[in-house]
């Protein structure tokens, strides 16, 4: 089954990423100076796709580095794997040990399951449509907060739009600098939300 197969991919990916985390890296950019890619991104992506193709030769793939290199990025009704080999490449480049491998699987353009593996803390987050979410096999439950977060409750904010004025200029400068390292890769805040690490996740 596709879901069970993903679990066996992470030990190999973890070994590669943890070894490379402390080593010097060859880094190139994609869409901007803050959008980084390393040889390890390509290595892990190749490993994951190769192993999945052996088991599911008819399945399609949407993978971050392949898409950045020009591969078509189209979600069709066919069974499709969505792969981010190193979620948090900026952290990885600067040896900040909060990185994850993210894999999703979709059929008929509906996401069936998603798996996020925190490489350095060895936390495996899994979620299946209609079956709940788990971390290392333990069921997760989001916070019961309904009326807005209380004072002192942990929250996570994500600014996705560029503001006009001085604040906007500051945001643009931050986006240009790869040393402005986010605390968590894009996938992990959602996993942390399901684990009650945050009571809310806000994006604009």
C-alpha atoms as a PDB file:
ATOM      1  CA  UNK A   1       0.000   0.000   0.000  1.00  0.00           C
ATOM      2  CA  UNK A   2       1.254   3.538  -0.755  1.00  0.00           C
ATOM      3  CA  UNK A   3       0.844   4.767   2.827  1.00  0.00           C
ATOM      4  CA  UNK A   4       2.942   2.016   4.393  1.00  0.00           C
ATOM      5  CA  UNK A   5       5.668   2.407   1.796  1.00  0.00           C
ATOM      6  CA  UNK A   6       6.502   5.984   2.811  1.00  0.00           C
ATOM      7  CA  UNK A   7       7.595   4.974   6.316  1.00  0.00           C
ATOM      8  CA  UNK A   8      10.468   2.901   4.934  1.00  0.00           C
ATOM      9  CA  UNK A   9      11.842   5.841   2.941  1.00  0.00           C
ATOM     10  CA  UNK A  10      12.707   8.021   5.916  1.00  0.00           C
ATOM     11  CA  UNK A  11      15.594   6.110   7.582  1.00  0.00           C
ATOM     12  CA  UNK A  12      17.692   6.401   4.411  1.00  0.00           C
ATOM     13  CA  UNK A  13      16.749  10.048   3.938  1.00  0.00           C
ATOM     14  CA  UNK A  14      17.573  10.814   7.568  1.00  0.00           C
ATOM     15  CA  UNK A  15      21.066   9.328   7.283  1.00  0.00           C
ATOM     16  CA  UNK A  16      21.843  11.434   4.208  1.00  0.00           C
ATOM     17  CA  UNK A  17      20.454  14.670   5.658  1.00  0.00           C
ATOM     18  CA  UNK A  18      21.976  14.343   9.130  1.00  0.00           C
ATOM     19  CA  UNK A  19      25.395  13.562   7.684  1.00  0.00           C
ATOM     20  CA  UNK A  20      25.238  16.503   5.279  1.00  0.00           C
ATOM     21  CA  UNK A  21      23.885  18.895   7.917  1.00  0.00           C
ATOM     22  CA  UNK A  22      27.324  19.406   9.457  1.00  0.00           C
ATOM     23  CA  UNK A  23      29.258  19.427   6.173  1.00  0.00           C
ATOM     24  CA  UNK A  24      30.097  22.206   3.744  1.00  0.00           C
ATOM     25  CA  UNK A  25      27.495  22.467   1.010  1.00  0.00           C
ATOM     26  CA  UNK A  26      27.351  23.546  -2.603  1.00  0.00           C
ATOM     27  CA  UNK A  27      24.431  25.935  -2.717  1.00  0.00           C
ATOM     28  CA  UNK A  28      22.611  27.447  -5.683  1.00  0.00           C
ATOM     29  CA  UNK A  29      19.499  29.594  -5.933  1.00  0.00           C
ATOM     30  CA  UNK A  30      16.177  29.087  -7.709  1.00  0.00           C
ATOM     31  CA  UNK A  31      13.653  31.937  -7.837  1.00  0.00           C
ATOM     32  CA  UNK A  32      15.437  34.352  -5.473  1.00  0.00           C
ATOM     33  CA  UNK A  33      18.493  34.763  -3.262  1.00  0.00           C
ATOM     34  CA  UNK A  34      16.495  33.264  -0.387  1.00  0.00           C
ATOM     35  CA  UNK A  35      15.228  30.261  -2.395  1.00  0.00           C
ATOM     36  CA  UNK A  36      18.093  27.819  -1.987  1.00  0.00           C
ATOM     37  CA  UNK A  37      18.867  24.339  -3.223  1.00  0.00           C
ATOM     38  CA  UNK A  38      21.752  21.973  -2.438  1.00  0.00           C
ATOM     39  CA  UNK A  39      23.085  18.742  -3.851  1.00  0.00           C
ATOM     40  CA  UNK A  40      21.468  16.994  -0.872  1.00  0.00           C
ATOM     41  CA  UNK A  41      18.011  18.185  -1.984  1.00  0.00           C
ATOM     42  CA  UNK A  42      18.581  16.487  -5.332  1.00  0.00           C
ATOM     43  CA  UNK A  43      20.078  13.356  -3.742  1.00  0.00           C
ATOM     44  CA  UNK A  44      17.191  12.807  -1.319  1.00  0.00           C
ATOM     45  CA  UNK A  45      14.571  13.600  -3.959  1.00  0.00           C
ATOM     46  CA  UNK A  46      16.178  11.117  -6.345  1.00  0.00           C
ATOM     47  CA  UNK A  47      16.261   8.433  -3.650  1.00  0.00           C
ATOM     48  CA  UNK A  48      12.585   8.874  -2.760  1.00  0.00           C
ATOM     49  CA  UNK A  49      11.346   8.935  -6.350  1.00  0.00           C
ATOM     50  CA  UNK A  50      13.516   5.969  -7.350  1.00  0.00           C
ATOM     51  CA  UNK A  51      12.208   3.807  -4.506  1.00  0.00           C
ATOM     52  CA  UNK A  52       8.588   4.770  -5.161  1.00  0.00           C
ATOM     53  CA  UNK A  53       8.901   4.151  -8.905  1.00  0.00           C
ATOM     54  CA  UNK A  54      10.106   0.605  -8.206  1.00  0.00           C
ATOM     55  CA  UNK A  55       6.898  -0.111  -6.295  1.00  0.00           C
ATOM     56  CA  UNK A  56       4.449   2.036  -8.252  1.00  0.00           C
ATOM     57  CA  UNK A  57       5.730   2.405 -11.837  1.00  0.00           C
ATOM     58  CA  UNK A  58       2.460   3.888 -13.142  1.00  0.00           C
ATOM     59  CA  UNK A  59       2.283   6.684 -10.553  1.00  0.00           C
ATOM     60  CA  UNK A  60       3.104  10.319 -11.304  1.00  0.00           C
ATOM     61  CA  UNK A  61       5.356  12.670  -9.324  1.00  0.00           C
ATOM     62  CA  UNK A  62       5.438  16.337  -8.442  1.00  0.00           C
ATOM     63  CA  UNK A  63       8.759  17.044  -6.763  1.00  0.00           C
ATOM     64  CA  UNK A  64      10.115  20.416  -5.697  1.00  0.00           C
ATOM     65  CA  UNK A  65      13.570  20.281  -7.223  1.00  0.00           C
ATOM     66  CA  UNK A  66      12.413  18.580 -10.422  1.00  0.00           C
ATOM     67  CA  UNK A  67       9.753  21.264 -10.848  1.00  0.00           C
ATOM     68  CA  UNK A  68      12.335  23.985 -10.249  1.00  0.00           C
ATOM     69  CA  UNK A  69      14.475  22.410 -12.981  1.00  0.00           C
ATOM     70  CA  UNK A  70      11.619  22.684 -15.466  1.00  0.00           C
ATOM     71  CA  UNK A  71       9.610  19.486 -15.029  1.00  0.00           C
ATOM     72  CA  UNK A  72       5.858  19.888 -15.483  1.00  0.00           C
ATOM     73  CA  UNK A  73       4.012  20.477 -12.219  1.00  0.00           C
ATOM     74  CA  UNK A  74       0.442  19.374 -12.957  1.00  0.00           C
ATOM     75  CA  UNK A  75      -1.864  17.542 -10.560  1.00  0.00           C
ATOM     76  CA  UNK A  76      -3.957  15.119 -12.624  1.00  0.00           C
ATOM     77  CA  UNK A  77      -6.539  12.512 -11.522  1.00  0.00           C
ATOM     78  CA  UNK A  78      -3.794   9.863 -11.693  1.00  0.00           C
ATOM     79  CA  UNK A  79      -2.173   8.662  -8.443  1.00  0.00           C
ATOM     80  CA  UNK A  80       0.450  11.318  -7.716  1.00  0.00           C
ATOM     81  CA  UNK A  81       3.238  11.666  -5.163  1.00  0.00           C
ATOM     82  CA  UNK A  82       4.126  15.176  -4.011  1.00  0.00           C
ATOM     83  CA  UNK A  83       7.659  15.360  -2.629  1.00  0.00           C
ATOM     84  CA  UNK A  84       9.662  18.026  -0.816  1.00  0.00           C
ATOM     85  CA  UNK A  85      12.998  16.308  -0.095  1.00  0.00           C
ATOM     86  CA  UNK A  86      14.276  18.926   2.371  1.00  0.00           C
ATOM     87  CA  UNK A  87      11.540  21.122   3.767  1.00  0.00           C
ATOM     88  CA  UNK A  88      13.583  23.937   5.269  1.00  0.00           C
ATOM     89  CA  UNK A  89      16.574  24.123   2.935  1.00  0.00           C
ATOM     90  CA  UNK A  90      17.534  27.555   4.292  1.00  0.00           C
ATOM     91  CA  UNK A  91      17.778  26.064   7.783  1.00  0.00           C
ATOM     92  CA  UNK A  92      19.729  23.118   6.382  1.00  0.00           C
ATOM     93  CA  UNK A  93      22.245  25.353   4.594  1.00  0.00           C
ATOM     94  CA  UNK A  94      22.987  27.263   7.802  1.00  0.00           C
ATOM     95  CA  UNK A  95      23.125  24.077   9.906  1.00  0.00           C
ATOM     96  CA  UNK A  96      19.989  24.988  11.818  1.00  0.00           C
ATOM     97  CA  UNK A  97      18.731  21.480  12.657  1.00  0.00           C
ATOM     98  CA  UNK A  98      15.016  21.994  12.016  1.00  0.00           C
ATOM     99  CA  UNK A  99      14.455  20.278   8.692  1.00  0.00           C
ATOM    100  CA  UNK A 100      11.884  17.807   7.465  1.00  0.00           C
ATOM    101  CA  UNK A 101      11.081  15.496   4.582  1.00  0.00           C
ATOM    102  CA  UNK A 102       7.509  15.964   3.343  1.00  0.00           C
ATOM    103  CA  UNK A 103       5.574  13.520   1.165  1.00  0.00           C
ATOM    104  CA  UNK A 104       1.936  13.660   0.080  1.00  0.00           C
ATOM    105  CA  UNK A 105      -0.145  11.290  -2.027  1.00  0.00           C
ATOM    106  CA  UNK A 106      -3.157  12.327  -4.110  1.00  0.00           C
ATOM    107  CA  UNK A 107      -5.711  10.418  -6.185  1.00  0.00           C
ATOM    108  CA  UNK A 108      -8.361  12.096  -8.349  1.00  0.00           C
ATOM    109  CA  UNK A 109      -6.828  15.428  -7.302  1.00  0.00           C
ATOM    110  CA  UNK A 110      -7.724  14.699  -3.655  1.00  0.00           C
ATOM    111  CA  UNK A 111      -4.991  14.377  -1.039  1.00  0.00           C
ATOM    112  CA  UNK A 112      -5.243  10.923   0.522  1.00  0.00           C
ATOM    113  CA  UNK A 113      -2.441  11.233   3.048  1.00  0.00           C
ATOM    114  CA  UNK A 114       0.539  13.310   4.040  1.00  0.00           C
ATOM    115  CA  UNK A 115       3.690  12.391   5.930  1.00  0.00           C
ATOM    116  CA  UNK A 116       6.195  14.778   7.524  1.00  0.00           C
ATOM    117  CA  UNK A 117       9.418  13.458   9.043  1.00  0.00           C
ATOM    118  CA  UNK A 118      11.414  15.754  11.361  1.00  0.00           C
ATOM    119  CA  UNK A 119      14.905  14.490  10.566  1.00  0.00           C
ATOM    120  CA  UNK A 120      16.818  15.578  13.670  1.00  0.00           C
ATOM    121  CA  UNK A 121      14.149  14.921  16.301  1.00  0.00           C
ATOM    122  CA  UNK A 122      12.948  11.721  14.600  1.00  0.00           C
ATOM    123  CA  UNK A 123       9.282  12.695  14.798  1.00  0.00           C
ATOM    124  CA  UNK A 124       7.066  11.098  12.166  1.00  0.00           C
ATOM    125  CA  UNK A 125       3.805  12.964  11.563  1.00  0.00           C
ATOM    126  CA  UNK A 126       1.170  11.172   9.512  1.00  0.00           C
ATOM    127  CA  UNK A 127      -2.316  12.170   8.452  1.00  0.00           C
ATOM    128  CA  UNK A 128      -4.836  10.207   6.385  1.00  0.00           C
ATOM    129  CA  UNK A 129      -8.087  11.504   5.014  1.00  0.00           C
ATOM    130  CA  UNK A 130     -10.879  10.482   7.375  1.00  0.00           C
ATOM    131  CA  UNK A 131      -8.526   8.622   9.736  1.00  0.00           C
ATOM    132  CA  UNK A 132      -6.950  11.366  11.821  1.00  0.00           C
ATOM    133  CA  UNK A 133      -3.371  12.463  12.444  1.00  0.00           C
ATOM    134  CA  UNK A 134      -0.585  10.837  14.440  1.00  0.00           C
ATOM    135  CA  UNK A 135       2.937  11.534  15.689  1.00  0.00           C
ATOM    136  CA  UNK A 136       5.094   8.440  16.109  1.00  0.00           C
ATOM    137  CA  UNK A 137       1.917   6.382  16.303  1.00  0.00           C
ATOM    138  CA  UNK A 138       0.151   8.496  18.937  1.00  0.00           C
ATOM    139  CA  UNK A 139      -3.100  10.147  17.873  1.00  0.00           C
ATOM    140  CA  UNK A 140      -3.015  13.943  17.741  1.00  0.00           C
ATOM    141  CA  UNK A 141      -5.772  16.358  18.672  1.00  0.00           C
ATOM    142  CA  UNK A 142      -5.758  20.084  17.966  1.00  0.00           C
ATOM    143  CA  UNK A 143      -6.366  22.591  20.750  1.00  0.00           C
ATOM    144  CA  UNK A 144      -9.944  23.112  21.895  1.00  0.00           C
ATOM    145  CA  UNK A 145      -9.593  26.921  21.756  1.00  0.00           C
ATOM    146  CA  UNK A 146     -12.620  28.393  19.964  1.00  0.00           C
ATOM    147  CA  UNK A 147     -12.927  32.028  21.001  1.00  0.00           C
ATOM    148  CA  UNK A 148      -9.482  33.273  20.051  1.00  0.00           C
ATOM    149  CA  UNK A 149      -6.218  32.521  21.795  1.00  0.00           C
ATOM    150  CA  UNK A 150      -5.880  33.565  25.394  1.00  0.00           C
ATOM    151  CA  UNK A 151      -2.997  35.697  26.594  1.00  0.00           C
ATOM    152  CA  UNK A 152       0.157  33.629  26.735  1.00  0.00           C
ATOM    153  CA  UNK A 153      -1.152  30.937  24.403  1.00  0.00           C
ATOM    154  CA  UNK A 154       1.477  30.053  21.784  1.00  0.00           C
ATOM    155  CA  UNK A 155       0.571  31.175  18.283  1.00  0.00           C
ATOM    156  CA  UNK A 156       2.394  31.171  14.978  1.00  0.00           C
ATOM    157  CA  UNK A 157       2.101  33.918  12.392  1.00  0.00           C
ATOM    158  CA  UNK A 158       3.050  33.648   8.733  1.00  0.00           C
ATOM    159  CA  UNK A 159       3.219  36.803   6.615  1.00  0.00           C
ATOM    160  CA  UNK A 160       2.677  35.816   2.997  1.00  0.00           C
ATOM    161  CA  UNK A 161       1.833  39.199   1.482  1.00  0.00           C
ATOM    162  CA  UNK A 162       4.130  42.170   1.053  1.00  0.00           C
ATOM    163  CA  UNK A 163       2.931  45.287   2.833  1.00  0.00           C
ATOM    164  CA  UNK A 164       3.140  48.792   1.430  1.00  0.00           C
ATOM    165  CA  UNK A 165       5.348  51.338   3.199  1.00  0.00           C
ATOM    166  CA  UNK A 166       8.308  50.957   5.590  1.00  0.00           C
ATOM    167  CA  UNK A 167       7.101  47.618   6.942  1.00  0.00           C
ATOM    168  CA  UNK A 168       6.866  46.301   3.406  1.00  0.00           C
ATOM    169  CA  UNK A 169      10.413  47.416   2.637  1.00  0.00           C
ATOM    170  CA  UNK A 170      11.635  45.579   5.729  1.00  0.00           C
ATOM    171  CA  UNK A 171       9.805  42.423   4.672  1.00  0.00           C
ATOM    172  CA  UNK A 172      11.323  42.579   1.207  1.00  0.00           C
ATOM    173  CA  UNK A 173      14.814  42.949   2.658  1.00  0.00           C
ATOM    174  CA  UNK A 174      14.210  39.922   4.861  1.00  0.00           C
ATOM    175  CA  UNK A 175      13.071  37.901   1.859  1.00  0.00           C
ATOM    176  CA  UNK A 176      16.282  38.786   0.058  1.00  0.00           C
ATOM    177  CA  UNK A 177      18.501  37.537   2.867  1.00  0.00           C
ATOM    178  CA  UNK A 178      18.931  33.771   3.252  1.00  0.00           C
ATOM    179  CA  UNK A 179      20.346  34.367   6.715  1.00  0.00           C
ATOM    180  CA  UNK A 180      16.929  35.433   7.986  1.00  0.00           C
ATOM    181  CA  UNK A 181      16.213  31.867   8.978  1.00  0.00           C
ATOM    182  CA  UNK A 182      12.617  30.802   9.739  1.00  0.00           C
ATOM    183  CA  UNK A 183      12.203  28.820  12.927  1.00  0.00           C
ATOM    184  CA  UNK A 184      10.325  26.020  11.203  1.00  0.00           C
ATOM    185  CA  UNK A 185      10.057  24.762   7.626  1.00  0.00           C
ATOM    186  CA  UNK A 186       6.673  25.346   5.949  1.00  0.00           C
ATOM    187  CA  UNK A 187       5.220  21.902   6.742  1.00  0.00           C
ATOM    188  CA  UNK A 188       6.156  21.691  10.421  1.00  0.00           C
ATOM    189  CA  UNK A 189       3.892  24.477  11.778  1.00  0.00           C
ATOM    190  CA  UNK A 190       0.867  22.481  10.639  1.00  0.00           C
ATOM    191  CA  UNK A 191       2.229  19.381  12.347  1.00  0.00           C
ATOM    192  CA  UNK A 192       2.929  21.419  15.491  1.00  0.00           C
ATOM    193  CA  UNK A 193      -0.620  22.793  15.385  1.00  0.00           C
ATOM    194  CA  UNK A 194      -2.037  19.277  15.365  1.00  0.00           C
ATOM    195  CA  UNK A 195       0.191  18.442  18.344  1.00  0.00           C
ATOM    196  CA  UNK A 196      -1.136  21.431  20.374  1.00  0.00           C
ATOM    197  CA  UNK A 197       2.245  23.173  20.270  1.00  0.00           C
ATOM    198  CA  UNK A 198       0.247  26.156  18.942  1.00  0.00           C
ATOM    199  CA  UNK A 199      -3.388  27.088  19.392  1.00  0.00           C
ATOM    200  CA  UNK A 200      -3.511  29.001  16.132  1.00  0.00           C
ATOM    201  CA  UNK A 201      -1.757  29.365  12.797  1.00  0.00           C
ATOM    202  CA  UNK A 202      -2.378  32.647  11.000  1.00  0.00           C
ATOM    203  CA  UNK A 203      -1.448  33.480   7.418  1.00  0.00           C
ATOM    204  CA  UNK A 204      -2.119  36.630   5.424  1.00  0.00           C
END
